[in-house]
């Protein structure tokens, strides 16, 4: 049961946070990501990465003027890793189930 709750938080947690940012403080999101298309694609496919990019854009000094430095890129890479873990995390644990069907 706790694993299901953790999986639900990994999948829907960042989407709820992004929806709250978009609903209550859209300028915060639009300052980092100008295009509504990229906001929608990030919301659907890579929500942790989009959330990490928005966080890095606003917290890393000078990111708004010069782009992300190595610390900002590291934050975005961690967000991308969280996306991959949330999508493909059960594959290794369920590897024995696939052999049973063949």
C-alpha atoms as a PDB file:
ATOM      1  CA  UNK A   1       0.000   0.000   0.000  1.00  0.00           C
ATOM      2  CA  UNK A   2       2.712   2.613   0.797  1.00  0.00           C
ATOM      3  CA  UNK A   3       4.368   1.909  -2.547  1.00  0.00           C
ATOM      4  CA  UNK A   4       1.170   2.864  -4.347  1.00  0.00           C
ATOM      5  CA  UNK A   5       1.023   6.165  -2.495  1.00  0.00           C
ATOM      6  CA  UNK A   6       4.654   6.909  -3.351  1.00  0.00           C
ATOM      7  CA  UNK A   7       4.036   6.053  -7.008  1.00  0.00           C
ATOM      8  CA  UNK A   8       0.983   8.313  -7.118  1.00  0.00           C
ATOM      9  CA  UNK A   9       2.979  11.182  -5.593  1.00  0.00           C
ATOM     10  CA  UNK A  10       5.790  10.675  -8.107  1.00  0.00           C
ATOM     11  CA  UNK A  11       3.368  10.750 -11.026  1.00  0.00           C
ATOM     12  CA  UNK A  12       0.850  13.391  -9.967  1.00  0.00           C
ATOM     13  CA  UNK A  13       2.691  15.484  -7.353  1.00  0.00           C
ATOM     14  CA  UNK A  14       4.673  17.684  -9.739  1.00  0.00           C
ATOM     15  CA  UNK A  15       1.635  18.146 -11.971  1.00  0.00           C
ATOM     16  CA  UNK A  16      -0.380  19.442  -9.030  1.00  0.00           C
ATOM     17  CA  UNK A  17       2.446  21.808  -8.084  1.00  0.00           C
ATOM     18  CA  UNK A  18       2.799  23.042 -11.678  1.00  0.00           C
ATOM     19  CA  UNK A  19      -0.953  23.543 -11.944  1.00  0.00           C
ATOM     20  CA  UNK A  20      -0.883  25.580  -8.731  1.00  0.00           C
ATOM     21  CA  UNK A  21       2.003  27.707 -10.017  1.00  0.00           C
ATOM     22  CA  UNK A  22       0.208  28.247 -13.317  1.00  0.00           C
ATOM     23  CA  UNK A  23      -3.088  29.078 -11.611  1.00  0.00           C
ATOM     24  CA  UNK A  24      -1.872  31.380  -8.837  1.00  0.00           C
ATOM     25  CA  UNK A  25       1.410  32.837 -10.152  1.00  0.00           C
ATOM     26  CA  UNK A  26       1.615  32.427 -13.908  1.00  0.00           C
ATOM     27  CA  UNK A  27       4.280  35.132 -14.214  1.00  0.00           C
ATOM     28  CA  UNK A  28       6.658  32.936 -12.190  1.00  0.00           C
ATOM     29  CA  UNK A  29       6.320  30.147 -14.757  1.00  0.00           C
ATOM     30  CA  UNK A  30       6.212  32.413 -17.809  1.00  0.00           C
ATOM     31  CA  UNK A  31       9.453  34.131 -16.806  1.00  0.00           C
ATOM     32  CA  UNK A  32      11.311  30.828 -17.168  1.00  0.00           C
ATOM     33  CA  UNK A  33       9.320  29.248 -20.016  1.00  0.00           C
ATOM     34  CA  UNK A  34       7.894  31.757 -22.495  1.00  0.00           C
ATOM     35  CA  UNK A  35       5.917  29.440 -24.752  1.00  0.00           C
ATOM     36  CA  UNK A  36       2.597  27.989 -23.616  1.00  0.00           C
ATOM     37  CA  UNK A  37       3.318  24.975 -25.844  1.00  0.00           C
ATOM     38  CA  UNK A  38       6.500  24.132 -23.893  1.00  0.00           C
ATOM     39  CA  UNK A  39       4.609  24.584 -20.637  1.00  0.00           C
ATOM     40  CA  UNK A  40       1.938  22.112 -21.775  1.00  0.00           C
ATOM     41  CA  UNK A  41       4.457  19.590 -23.114  1.00  0.00           C
ATOM     42  CA  UNK A  42       6.472  19.789 -19.910  1.00  0.00           C
ATOM     43  CA  UNK A  43       3.305  19.398 -17.847  1.00  0.00           C
ATOM     44  CA  UNK A  44       2.278  16.267 -19.758  1.00  0.00           C
ATOM     45  CA  UNK A  45       5.564  14.467 -20.455  1.00  0.00           C
ATOM     46  CA  UNK A  46       8.333  15.778 -18.142  1.00  0.00           C
ATOM     47  CA  UNK A  47       6.778  17.504 -15.116  1.00  0.00           C
ATOM     48  CA  UNK A  48       9.754  17.012 -12.764  1.00  0.00           C
ATOM     49  CA  UNK A  49      12.113  18.425 -15.388  1.00  0.00           C
ATOM     50  CA  UNK A  50       9.903  21.468 -15.967  1.00  0.00           C
ATOM     51  CA  UNK A  51       9.565  22.037 -12.238  1.00  0.00           C
ATOM     52  CA  UNK A  52      13.342  21.741 -11.777  1.00  0.00           C
ATOM     53  CA  UNK A  53      13.960  24.137 -14.686  1.00  0.00           C
ATOM     54  CA  UNK A  54      11.598  26.736 -13.240  1.00  0.00           C
ATOM     55  CA  UNK A  55      13.227  26.330  -9.813  1.00  0.00           C
ATOM     56  CA  UNK A  56      16.737  26.612 -11.270  1.00  0.00           C
ATOM     57  CA  UNK A  57      15.777  29.622 -13.381  1.00  0.00           C
ATOM     58  CA  UNK A  58      14.606  31.570 -10.344  1.00  0.00           C
ATOM     59  CA  UNK A  59      17.165  30.441  -7.747  1.00  0.00           C
ATOM     60  CA  UNK A  60      20.509  30.219  -9.570  1.00  0.00           C
ATOM     61  CA  UNK A  61      22.104  33.698  -9.592  1.00  0.00           C
ATOM     62  CA  UNK A  62      22.334  35.205 -13.063  1.00  0.00           C
ATOM     63  CA  UNK A  63      20.237  32.545 -14.792  1.00  0.00           C
ATOM     64  CA  UNK A  64      17.762  35.101 -16.118  1.00  0.00           C
ATOM     65  CA  UNK A  65      20.545  37.040 -17.847  1.00  0.00           C
ATOM     66  CA  UNK A  66      23.154  34.454 -18.866  1.00  0.00           C
ATOM     67  CA  UNK A  67      21.238  31.173 -18.859  1.00  0.00           C
ATOM     68  CA  UNK A  68      21.800  28.248 -16.550  1.00  0.00           C
ATOM     69  CA  UNK A  69      25.265  27.507 -15.263  1.00  0.00           C
ATOM     70  CA  UNK A  70      26.518  24.131 -14.048  1.00  0.00           C
ATOM     71  CA  UNK A  71      24.451  24.243 -10.837  1.00  0.00           C
ATOM     72  CA  UNK A  72      21.282  24.973 -12.797  1.00  0.00           C
ATOM     73  CA  UNK A  73      22.008  22.225 -15.290  1.00  0.00           C
ATOM     74  CA  UNK A  74      22.591  19.806 -12.398  1.00  0.00           C
ATOM     75  CA  UNK A  75      19.182  20.708 -10.941  1.00  0.00           C
ATOM     76  CA  UNK A  76      17.520  20.085 -14.323  1.00  0.00           C
ATOM     77  CA  UNK A  77      19.344  16.753 -14.734  1.00  0.00           C
ATOM     78  CA  UNK A  78      18.105  15.673 -11.299  1.00  0.00           C
ATOM     79  CA  UNK A  79      14.574  16.615 -12.380  1.00  0.00           C
ATOM     80  CA  UNK A  80      14.974  14.572 -15.558  1.00  0.00           C
ATOM     81  CA  UNK A  81      16.228  11.604 -13.513  1.00  0.00           C
ATOM     82  CA  UNK A  82      13.147  11.881 -11.281  1.00  0.00           C
ATOM     83  CA  UNK A  83      10.965  11.792 -14.399  1.00  0.00           C
ATOM     84  CA  UNK A  84      12.701   8.669 -15.652  1.00  0.00           C
ATOM     85  CA  UNK A  85      12.477   7.010 -12.226  1.00  0.00           C
ATOM     86  CA  UNK A  86       8.772   7.768 -11.974  1.00  0.00           C
ATOM     87  CA  UNK A  87       8.061   6.339 -15.434  1.00  0.00           C
ATOM     88  CA  UNK A  88      10.392   3.327 -15.513  1.00  0.00           C
ATOM     89  CA  UNK A  89      11.008   2.575 -11.842  1.00  0.00           C
ATOM     90  CA  UNK A  90       8.907  -0.595 -11.702  1.00  0.00           C
ATOM     91  CA  UNK A  91      10.554  -2.261 -14.681  1.00  0.00           C
ATOM     92  CA  UNK A  92      13.398  -3.814 -12.731  1.00  0.00           C
ATOM     93  CA  UNK A  93      11.136  -4.964  -9.911  1.00  0.00           C
ATOM     94  CA  UNK A  94       8.712  -6.638 -12.319  1.00  0.00           C
ATOM     95  CA  UNK A  95      11.314  -8.353 -14.495  1.00  0.00           C
ATOM     96  CA  UNK A  96      10.341 -11.824 -13.220  1.00  0.00           C
ATOM     97  CA  UNK A  97       6.692 -11.374 -14.154  1.00  0.00           C
ATOM     98  CA  UNK A  98       7.476 -11.010 -17.839  1.00  0.00           C
ATOM     99  CA  UNK A  99       9.323 -14.348 -17.980  1.00  0.00           C
ATOM    100  CA  UNK A 100       6.275 -16.114 -16.544  1.00  0.00           C
ATOM    101  CA  UNK A 101       4.133 -15.194 -19.528  1.00  0.00           C
ATOM    102  CA  UNK A 102       6.441 -16.730 -22.111  1.00  0.00           C
END
